[in-house]
C-alpha atoms as a PDB file:
ATOM      1  CA  UNK A   1     -35.428 -16.573  39.312  1.00  0.00           C
ATOM      2  CA  UNK A   2     -38.496 -15.663  37.183  1.00  0.00           C
ATOM      3  CA  UNK A   3     -41.903 -16.813  38.341  1.00  0.00           C
ATOM      4  CA  UNK A   4     -43.543 -19.621  36.434  1.00  0.00           C
ATOM      5  CA  UNK A   5     -44.948 -18.383  33.140  1.00  0.00           C
ATOM      6  CA  UNK A   6     -42.791 -15.253  32.990  1.00  0.00           C
ATOM      7  CA  UNK A   7     -40.307 -15.050  30.131  1.00  0.00           C
ATOM      8  CA  UNK A   8     -36.664 -14.738  31.145  1.00  0.00           C
ATOM      9  CA  UNK A   9     -35.290 -11.193  31.131  1.00  0.00           C
ATOM     10  CA  UNK A  10     -31.888 -10.414  29.664  1.00  0.00           C
ATOM     11  CA  UNK A  11     -29.484  -8.671  32.034  1.00  0.00           C
ATOM     12  CA  UNK A  12     -26.987  -6.000  30.967  1.00  0.00           C
ATOM     13  CA  UNK A  13     -24.200  -8.551  31.478  1.00  0.00           C
ATOM     14  CA  UNK A  14     -25.910 -10.850  28.958  1.00  0.00           C
ATOM     15  CA  UNK A  15     -25.640  -8.094  26.343  1.00  0.00           C
ATOM     16  CA  UNK A  16     -21.972  -7.521  27.171  1.00  0.00           C
ATOM     17  CA  UNK A  17     -21.197 -11.242  27.036  1.00  0.00           C
ATOM     18  CA  UNK A  18     -22.879 -11.636  23.666  1.00  0.00           C
ATOM     19  CA  UNK A  19     -21.740  -8.458  21.920  1.00  0.00           C
ATOM     20  CA  UNK A  20     -18.282  -7.975  23.466  1.00  0.00           C
ATOM     21  CA  UNK A  21     -16.968 -11.402  24.466  1.00  0.00           C
ATOM     22  CA  UNK A  22     -18.232 -13.457  21.532  1.00  0.00           C
ATOM     23  CA  UNK A  23     -16.453 -12.488  18.286  1.00  0.00           C
ATOM     24  CA  UNK A  24     -19.633 -13.232  16.314  1.00  0.00           C
ATOM     25  CA  UNK A  25     -21.632 -10.912  18.546  1.00  0.00           C
ATOM     26  CA  UNK A  26     -19.042  -8.165  18.163  1.00  0.00           C
ATOM     27  CA  UNK A  27     -19.236  -8.554  14.380  1.00  0.00           C
ATOM     28  CA  UNK A  28     -23.037  -8.412  14.454  1.00  0.00           C
ATOM     29  CA  UNK A  29     -23.025  -5.321  16.675  1.00  0.00           C
ATOM     30  CA  UNK A  30     -20.556  -3.629  14.339  1.00  0.00           C
ATOM     31  CA  UNK A  31     -22.881  -4.406  11.421  1.00  0.00           C
ATOM     32  CA  UNK A  32     -25.955  -3.102  13.295  1.00  0.00           C
ATOM     33  CA  UNK A  33     -24.192   0.142  14.209  1.00  0.00           C
ATOM     34  CA  UNK A  34     -23.019   0.612  10.600  1.00  0.00           C
ATOM     35  CA  UNK A  35     -26.511  -0.040   9.196  1.00  0.00           C
ATOM     36  CA  UNK A  36     -28.725   1.688  11.759  1.00  0.00           C
ATOM     37  CA  UNK A  37     -26.482   3.834  13.961  1.00  0.00           C
ATOM     38  CA  UNK A  38     -26.231   6.954  11.828  1.00  0.00           C
ATOM     39  CA  UNK A  39     -28.050  10.253  12.006  1.00  0.00           C
ATOM     40  CA  UNK A  40     -31.739   9.454  11.434  1.00  0.00           C
ATOM     41  CA  UNK A  41     -32.689  12.912  10.114  1.00  0.00           C
ATOM     42  CA  UNK A  42     -33.992  13.139   6.540  1.00  0.00           C
ATOM     43  CA  UNK A  43     -34.569  16.628   5.154  1.00  0.00           C
ATOM     44  CA  UNK A  44     -37.872  17.343   3.447  1.00  0.00           C
ATOM     45  CA  UNK A  45     -41.604  17.306   3.969  1.00  0.00           C
ATOM     46  CA  UNK A  46     -44.080  14.846   5.419  1.00  0.00           C
ATOM     47  CA  UNK A  47     -42.559  11.764   3.798  1.00  0.00           C
ATOM     48  CA  UNK A  48     -39.110  12.789   5.010  1.00  0.00           C
ATOM     49  CA  UNK A  49     -40.513  13.170   8.538  1.00  0.00           C
ATOM     50  CA  UNK A  50     -41.912   9.645   8.341  1.00  0.00           C
ATOM     51  CA  UNK A  51     -38.553   8.317   7.164  1.00  0.00           C
ATOM     52  CA  UNK A  52     -36.821  10.206   9.983  1.00  0.00           C
ATOM     53  CA  UNK A  53     -39.179   8.595  12.508  1.00  0.00           C
ATOM     54  CA  UNK A  54     -38.558   5.156  11.001  1.00  0.00           C
ATOM     55  CA  UNK A  55     -34.789   5.599  11.154  1.00  0.00           C
ATOM     56  CA  UNK A  56     -35.004   6.947  14.706  1.00  0.00           C
ATOM     57  CA  UNK A  57     -36.778   3.735  15.703  1.00  0.00           C
ATOM     58  CA  UNK A  58     -33.991   1.659  14.210  1.00  0.00           C
ATOM     59  CA  UNK A  59     -31.383   3.791  15.959  1.00  0.00           C
ATOM     60  CA  UNK A  60     -33.171   3.347  19.294  1.00  0.00           C
ATOM     61  CA  UNK A  61     -32.736  -0.429  19.133  1.00  0.00           C
ATOM     62  CA  UNK A  62     -28.991  -0.083  18.543  1.00  0.00           C
ATOM     63  CA  UNK A  63     -28.787   2.548  21.291  1.00  0.00           C
ATOM     64  CA  UNK A  64     -30.569   0.222  23.710  1.00  0.00           C
ATOM     65  CA  UNK A  65     -28.065  -2.563  23.053  1.00  0.00           C
ATOM     66  CA  UNK A  66     -25.158  -0.155  23.562  1.00  0.00           C
ATOM     67  CA  UNK A  67     -26.762   1.189  26.751  1.00  0.00           C
ATOM     68  CA  UNK A  68     -27.031  -2.331  28.163  1.00  0.00           C
ATOM     69  CA  UNK A  69     -23.378  -3.035  27.367  1.00  0.00           C
ATOM     70  CA  UNK A  70     -22.388   0.235  29.011  1.00  0.00           C
ATOM     71  CA  UNK A  71     -24.443  -0.641  32.114  1.00  0.00           C
ATOM     72  CA  UNK A  72     -22.660  -3.984  32.360  1.00  0.00           C
ATOM     73  CA  UNK A  73     -19.347  -2.136  32.247  1.00  0.00           C
ATOM     74  CA  UNK A  74     -20.371   0.193  35.075  1.00  0.00           C
ATOM     75  CA  UNK A  75     -21.315   3.299  33.095  1.00  0.00           C
ATOM     76  CA  UNK A  76     -24.297   5.377  34.161  1.00  0.00           C
ATOM     77  CA  UNK A  77     -26.994   5.331  31.503  1.00  0.00           C
ATOM     78  CA  UNK A  78     -30.386   7.053  31.437  1.00  0.00           C
ATOM     79  CA  UNK A  79     -33.322   4.791  32.238  1.00  0.00           C
ATOM     80  CA  UNK A  80     -35.691   6.169  29.585  1.00  0.00           C
ATOM     81  CA  UNK A  81     -36.552   2.721  28.172  1.00  0.00           C
ATOM     82  CA  UNK A  82     -35.539   0.463  31.047  1.00  0.00           C
ATOM     83  CA  UNK A  83     -39.113  -0.415  32.028  1.00  0.00           C
ATOM     84  CA  UNK A  84     -40.301  -1.255  28.511  1.00  0.00           C
END
C-alpha cells in the first residue's frame, strides 16, 4: 500500500489487464504500435537526427508498455527504465 501522499504505481499486471484482457485496450495498443512502433531512423543531416531522436522517444513509450506486459506474463525484460 502506498504511503500517504504518494501516487499509486501501476504494476506489470495492470498493463497486461488493460492491454490484453480489455478489448479496447488491445485495440489501443495495436494502434500505438502501428503509429509509433516502427524503425525510428530517419536518414539525413541534423534535422533528420532530431526527427530520429523524437521517433525513438515515441518508440520507447510503446516498448515500455510491451515490456510491462511481458513482465506480467513471466518474461525476463531488461530493467533499463524500471526506476524512472
